[in-house]
Amino acid sequence: MDEVLGFMLLRFAVIGGGIFLLILLLGVVVFALKKAGRYDQAKQVGSKALQHLEERRKS
């Protein structure tokens, strides 16, 4: 039973660490875009992509 519990805790730690790294990477990308002055352009491209996906989902 201890092995199963240890494995589950390790799995949750790996998943949590992965989510944390993704959030950290997203923050670095946003910071770099803002520093380069391309944040607004990236935001427009992202909104167009989301609108396209939403239209495809409705059809």
PDB file of N, CA and C in Angstrom:
ATOM      1  N   MET A   1       0.821  -1.200   0.000  1.00  0.00           N
ATOM      2  CA  MET A   1       0.000   0.000   0.000  1.00  0.00           C
ATOM      3  C   MET A   1       0.864   1.262   0.000  1.00  0.00           C
ATOM      4  N   ASP A   2       1.980   1.208   0.701  1.00  0.00           N
ATOM      5  CA  ASP A   2       2.864   2.378   0.742  1.00  0.00           C
ATOM      6  C   ASP A   2       3.451   2.682  -0.628  1.00  0.00           C
ATOM      7  N   GLU A   3       3.724   1.623  -1.387  1.00  0.00           N
ATOM      8  CA  GLU A   3       4.289   1.833  -2.720  1.00  0.00           C
ATOM      9  C   GLU A   3       3.288   2.531  -3.634  1.00  0.00           C
ATOM     10  N   VAL A   4       2.015   2.130  -3.523  1.00  0.00           N
ATOM     11  CA  VAL A   4       0.974   2.746  -4.350  1.00  0.00           C
ATOM     12  C   VAL A   4       0.808   4.206  -3.983  1.00  0.00           C
ATOM     13  N   LEU A   5       0.785   4.495  -2.702  1.00  0.00           N
ATOM     14  CA  LEU A   5       0.638   5.869  -2.245  1.00  0.00           C
ATOM     15  C   LEU A   5       1.833   6.718  -2.679  1.00  0.00           C
ATOM     16  N   GLY A   6       3.020   6.161  -2.562  1.00  0.00           N
ATOM     17  CA  GLY A   6       4.215   6.876  -3.004  1.00  0.00           C
ATOM     18  C   GLY A   6       4.193   7.143  -4.493  1.00  0.00           C
ATOM     19  N   PHE A   7       3.743   6.156  -5.269  1.00  0.00           N
ATOM     20  CA  PHE A   7       3.657   6.339  -6.711  1.00  0.00           C
ATOM     21  C   PHE A   7       2.638   7.409  -7.065  1.00  0.00           C
ATOM     22  N   MET A   8       1.501   7.415  -6.388  1.00  0.00           N
ATOM     23  CA  MET A   8       0.473   8.422  -6.656  1.00  0.00           C
ATOM     24  C   MET A   8       0.969   9.817  -6.305  1.00  0.00           C
ATOM     25  N   LEU A   9       1.660   9.957  -5.183  1.00  0.00           N
ATOM     26  CA  LEU A   9       2.200  11.260  -4.804  1.00  0.00           C
ATOM     27  C   LEU A   9       3.255  11.723  -5.797  1.00  0.00           C
ATOM     28  N   LEU A  10       4.089  10.810  -6.259  1.00  0.00           N
ATOM     29  CA  LEU A  10       5.091  11.156  -7.258  1.00  0.00           C
ATOM     30  C   LEU A  10       4.433  11.588  -8.559  1.00  0.00           C
ATOM     31  N   ARG A  11       3.393  10.889  -8.964  1.00  0.00           N
ATOM     32  CA  ARG A  11       2.678  11.234 -10.192  1.00  0.00           C
ATOM     33  C   ARG A  11       2.063  12.623 -10.088  1.00  0.00           C
ATOM     34  N   PHE A  12       1.411  12.921  -8.962  1.00  0.00           N
ATOM     35  CA  PHE A  12       0.814  14.240  -8.773  1.00  0.00           C
ATOM     36  C   PHE A  12       1.887  15.327  -8.732  1.00  0.00           C
ATOM     37  N   ALA A  13       3.043  15.022  -8.151  1.00  0.00           N
ATOM     38  CA  ALA A  13       4.132  15.998  -8.107  1.00  0.00           C
ATOM     39  C   ALA A  13       4.654  16.278  -9.512  1.00  0.00           C
ATOM     40  N   VAL A  14       4.780  15.254 -10.333  1.00  0.00           N
ATOM     41  CA  VAL A  14       5.260  15.445 -11.703  1.00  0.00           C
ATOM     42  C   VAL A  14       4.244  16.248 -12.509  1.00  0.00           C
ATOM     43  N   ILE A  15       2.966  15.928 -12.370  1.00  0.00           N
ATOM     44  CA  ILE A  15       1.921  16.670 -13.085  1.00  0.00           C
ATOM     45  C   ILE A  15       1.902  18.124 -12.621  1.00  0.00           C
ATOM     46  N   GLY A  16       1.957  18.345 -11.322  1.00  0.00           N
ATOM     47  CA  GLY A  16       1.977  19.711 -10.787  1.00  0.00           C
ATOM     48  C   GLY A  16       3.203  20.486 -11.244  1.00  0.00           C
ATOM     49  N   GLY A  17       4.355  19.831 -11.259  1.00  0.00           N
ATOM     50  CA  GLY A  17       5.568  20.479 -11.738  1.00  0.00           C
ATOM     51  C   GLY A  17       5.472  20.837 -13.210  1.00  0.00           C
ATOM     52  N   GLY A  18       4.872  19.959 -14.004  1.00  0.00           N
ATOM     53  CA  GLY A  18       4.692  20.240 -15.428  1.00  0.00           C
ATOM     54  C   GLY A  18       3.779  21.417 -15.656  1.00  0.00           C
ATOM     55  N   ILE A  19       2.693  21.488 -14.901  1.00  0.00           N
ATOM     56  CA  ILE A  19       1.770  22.621 -15.019  1.00  0.00           C
ATOM     57  C   ILE A  19       2.472  23.916 -14.605  1.00  0.00           C
ATOM     58  N   PHE A  20       3.252  23.851 -13.539  1.00  0.00           N
ATOM     59  CA  PHE A  20       3.994  25.024 -13.087  1.00  0.00           C
ATOM     60  C   PHE A  20       4.976  25.497 -14.153  1.00  0.00           C
ATOM     61  N   LEU A  21       5.682  24.564 -14.783  1.00  0.00           N
ATOM     62  CA  LEU A  21       6.636  24.936 -15.829  1.00  0.00           C
ATOM     63  C   LEU A  21       5.937  25.542 -17.045  1.00  0.00           C
ATOM     64  N   LEU A  22       4.768  25.018 -17.405  1.00  0.00           N
ATOM     65  CA  LEU A  22       4.021  25.593 -18.520  1.00  0.00           C
ATOM     66  C   LEU A  22       3.581  27.019 -18.224  1.00  0.00           C
ATOM     67  N   ILE A  23       3.102  27.260 -17.013  1.00  0.00           N
ATOM     68  CA  ILE A  23       2.688  28.611 -16.623  1.00  0.00           C
ATOM     69  C   ILE A  23       3.891  29.547 -16.614  1.00  0.00           C
ATOM     70  N   LEU A  24       5.019  29.070 -16.109  1.00  0.00           N
ATOM     71  CA  LEU A  24       6.235  29.875 -16.093  1.00  0.00           C
ATOM     72  C   LEU A  24       6.693  30.189 -17.511  1.00  0.00           C
ATOM     73  N   LEU A  25       6.649  29.227 -18.402  1.00  0.00           N
ATOM     74  CA  LEU A  25       7.036  29.438 -19.796  1.00  0.00           C
ATOM     75  C   LEU A  25       6.106  30.442 -20.477  1.00  0.00           C
ATOM     76  N   LEU A  26       4.814  30.339 -20.210  1.00  0.00           N
ATOM     77  CA  LEU A  26       3.856  31.287 -20.776  1.00  0.00           C
ATOM     78  C   LEU A  26       4.143  32.700 -20.280  1.00  0.00           C
ATOM     79  N   GLY A  27       4.467  32.846 -19.017  1.00  0.00           N
ATOM     80  CA  GLY A  27       4.813  34.156 -18.477  1.00  0.00           C
ATOM     81  C   GLY A  27       6.059  34.736 -19.129  1.00  0.00           C
ATOM     82  N   VAL A  28       7.053  33.901 -19.368  1.00  0.00           N
ATOM     83  CA  VAL A  28       8.279  34.365 -20.023  1.00  0.00           C
ATOM     84  C   VAL A  28       7.983  34.805 -21.452  1.00  0.00           C
ATOM     85  N   VAL A  29       7.139  34.058 -22.157  1.00  0.00           N
ATOM     86  CA  VAL A  29       6.794  34.415 -23.535  1.00  0.00           C
ATOM     87  C   VAL A  29       6.049  35.746 -23.566  1.00  0.00           C
ATOM     88  N   VAL A  30       5.086  35.918 -22.671  1.00  0.00           N
ATOM     89  CA  VAL A  30       4.330  37.175 -22.626  1.00  0.00           C
ATOM     90  C   VAL A  30       5.259  38.341 -22.297  1.00  0.00           C
ATOM     91  N   PHE A  31       6.157  38.142 -21.341  1.00  0.00           N
ATOM     92  CA  PHE A  31       7.104  39.200 -20.976  1.00  0.00           C
ATOM     93  C   PHE A  31       8.001  39.565 -22.154  1.00  0.00           C
ATOM     94  N   ALA A  32       8.478  38.555 -22.871  1.00  0.00           N
ATOM     95  CA  ALA A  32       9.346  38.815 -24.024  1.00  0.00           C
ATOM     96  C   ALA A  32       8.585  39.547 -25.131  1.00  0.00           C
ATOM     97  N   LEU A  33       7.329  39.173 -25.348  1.00  0.00           N
ATOM     98  CA  LEU A  33       6.529  39.857 -26.368  1.00  0.00           C
ATOM     99  C   LEU A  33       6.280  41.313 -25.985  1.00  0.00           C
ATOM    100  N   LYS A  34       6.000  41.552 -24.720  1.00  0.00           N
ATOM    101  CA  LYS A  34       5.775  42.929 -24.279  1.00  0.00           C
ATOM    102  C   LYS A  34       7.052  43.754 -24.409  1.00  0.00           C
ATOM    103  N   LYS A  35       8.177  43.156 -24.079  1.00  0.00           N
ATOM    104  CA  LYS A  35       9.440  43.885 -24.163  1.00  0.00           C
ATOM    105  C   LYS A  35       9.791  44.203 -25.614  1.00  0.00           C
ATOM    106  N   ALA A  36       9.460  43.297 -26.526  1.00  0.00           N
ATOM    107  CA  ALA A  36       9.757  43.515 -27.940  1.00  0.00           C
ATOM    108  C   ALA A  36       8.712  44.397 -28.615  1.00  0.00           C
ATOM    109  N   GLY A  37       7.613  44.687 -27.916  1.00  0.00           N
ATOM    110  CA  GLY A  37       6.573  45.542 -28.479  1.00  0.00           C
ATOM    111  C   GLY A  37       5.644  44.816 -29.440  1.00  0.00           C
ATOM    112  N   ARG A  38       5.591  43.507 -29.352  1.00  0.00           N
ATOM    113  CA  ARG A  38       4.754  42.729 -30.266  1.00  0.00           C
ATOM    114  C   ARG A  38       3.581  42.047 -29.555  1.00  0.00           C
ATOM    115  N   TYR A  39       3.313  42.442 -28.325  1.00  0.00           N
ATOM    116  CA  TYR A  39       2.241  41.807 -27.559  1.00  0.00           C
ATOM    117  C   TYR A  39       0.877  42.037 -28.206  1.00  0.00           C
ATOM    118  N   ASP A  40       0.608  43.282 -28.644  1.00  0.00           N
ATOM    119  CA  ASP A  40      -0.689  43.583 -29.254  1.00  0.00           C
ATOM    120  C   ASP A  40      -0.883  42.803 -30.553  1.00  0.00           C
ATOM    121  N   GLN A  41       0.177  42.684 -31.330  1.00  0.00           N
ATOM    122  CA  GLN A  41       0.094  41.929 -32.588  1.00  0.00           C
ATOM    123  C   GLN A  41      -0.175  40.448 -32.293  1.00  0.00           C
ATOM    124  N   ALA A  42       0.501  39.894 -31.313  1.00  0.00           N
ATOM    125  CA  ALA A  42       0.291  38.493 -30.954  1.00  0.00           C
ATOM    126  C   ALA A  42      -1.117  38.275 -30.413  1.00  0.00           C
ATOM    127  N   LYS A  43      -1.625  39.260 -29.689  1.00  0.00           N
ATOM    128  CA  LYS A  43      -2.978  39.165 -29.143  1.00  0.00           C
ATOM    129  C   LYS A  43      -4.018  39.145 -30.265  1.00  0.00           C
ATOM    130  N   GLN A  44      -3.807  39.956 -31.307  1.00  0.00           N
ATOM    131  CA  GLN A  44      -4.729  39.971 -32.441  1.00  0.00           C
ATOM    132  C   GLN A  44      -4.693  38.646 -33.191  1.00  0.00           C
ATOM    133  N   VAL A  45      -3.508  38.112 -33.417  1.00  0.00           N
ATOM    134  CA  VAL A  45      -3.376  36.830 -34.114  1.00  0.00           C
ATOM    135  C   VAL A  45      -4.036  35.720 -33.302  1.00  0.00           C
ATOM    136  N   GLY A  46      -3.824  35.750 -31.993  1.00  0.00           N
ATOM    137  CA  GLY A  46      -4.431  34.743 -31.120  1.00  0.00           C
ATOM    138  C   GLY A  46      -5.945  34.823 -31.106  1.00  0.00           C
ATOM    139  N   SER A  47      -6.495  36.028 -31.105  1.00  0.00           N
ATOM    140  CA  SER A  47      -7.955  36.164 -31.092  1.00  0.00           C
ATOM    141  C   SER A  47      -8.553  35.692 -32.412  1.00  0.00           C
ATOM    142  N   LYS A  48      -7.858  35.962 -33.533  1.00  0.00           N
ATOM    143  CA  LYS A  48      -8.343  35.468 -34.827  1.00  0.00           C
ATOM    144  C   LYS A  48      -8.325  33.947 -34.867  1.00  0.00           C
ATOM    145  N   ALA A  49      -7.280  33.352 -34.309  1.00  0.00           N
ATOM    146  CA  ALA A  49      -7.190  31.887 -34.288  1.00  0.00           C
ATOM    147  C   ALA A  49      -8.294  31.291 -33.425  1.00  0.00           C
ATOM    148  N   LEU A  50      -8.586  31.914 -32.290  1.00  0.00           N
ATOM    149  CA  LEU A  50      -9.651  31.416 -31.427  1.00  0.00           C
ATOM    150  C   LEU A  50     -11.025  31.554 -32.085  1.00  0.00           C
ATOM    151  N   GLN A  51     -11.241  32.656 -32.804  1.00  0.00           N
ATOM    152  CA  GLN A  51     -12.508  32.827 -33.518  1.00  0.00           C
ATOM    153  C   GLN A  51     -12.665  31.761 -34.593  1.00  0.00           C
ATOM    154  N   HIS A  52     -11.590  31.462 -35.301  1.00  0.00           N
ATOM    155  CA  HIS A  52     -11.629  30.430 -36.335  1.00  0.00           C
ATOM    156  C   HIS A  52     -11.951  29.067 -35.729  1.00  0.00           C
ATOM    157  N   LEU A  53     -11.326  28.752 -34.613  1.00  0.00           N
ATOM    158  CA  LEU A  53     -11.596  27.466 -33.952  1.00  0.00           C
ATOM    159  C   LEU A  53     -13.039  27.393 -33.451  1.00  0.00           C
ATOM    160  N   GLU A  54     -13.552  28.504 -32.961  1.00  0.00           N
ATOM    161  CA  GLU A  54     -14.922  28.540 -32.477  1.00  0.00           C
ATOM    162  C   GLU A  54     -15.912  28.320 -33.625  1.00  0.00           C
ATOM    163  N   GLU A  55     -15.630  28.929 -34.778  1.00  0.00           N
ATOM    164  CA  GLU A  55     -16.493  28.740 -35.951  1.00  0.00           C
ATOM    165  C   GLU A  55     -16.451  27.289 -36.425  1.00  0.00           C
ATOM    166  N   ARG A  56     -15.271  26.684 -36.423  1.00  0.00           N
ATOM    167  CA  ARG A  56     -15.160  25.276 -36.842  1.00  0.00           C
ATOM    168  C   ARG A  56     -15.898  24.359 -35.874  1.00  0.00           C
ATOM    169  N   ARG A  57     -15.878  24.710 -34.591  1.00  0.00           N
ATOM    170  CA  ARG A  57     -16.542  23.886 -33.588  1.00  0.00           C
ATOM    171  C   ARG A  57     -18.059  23.931 -33.737  1.00  0.00           C
ATOM    172  N   LYS A  58     -18.588  25.091 -34.122  1.00  0.00           N
ATOM    173  CA  LYS A  58     -20.033  25.244 -34.273  1.00  0.00           C
ATOM    174  C   LYS A  58     -20.561  24.502 -35.503  1.00  0.00           C
ATOM    175  N   SER A  59     -19.732  24.366 -36.547  1.00  0.00           N
ATOM    176  CA  SER A  59     -20.205  23.714 -37.780  1.00  0.00           C
ATOM    177  C   SER A  59     -20.226  22.217 -37.646  1.00  0.00           C
TER     178      SER A  59
END
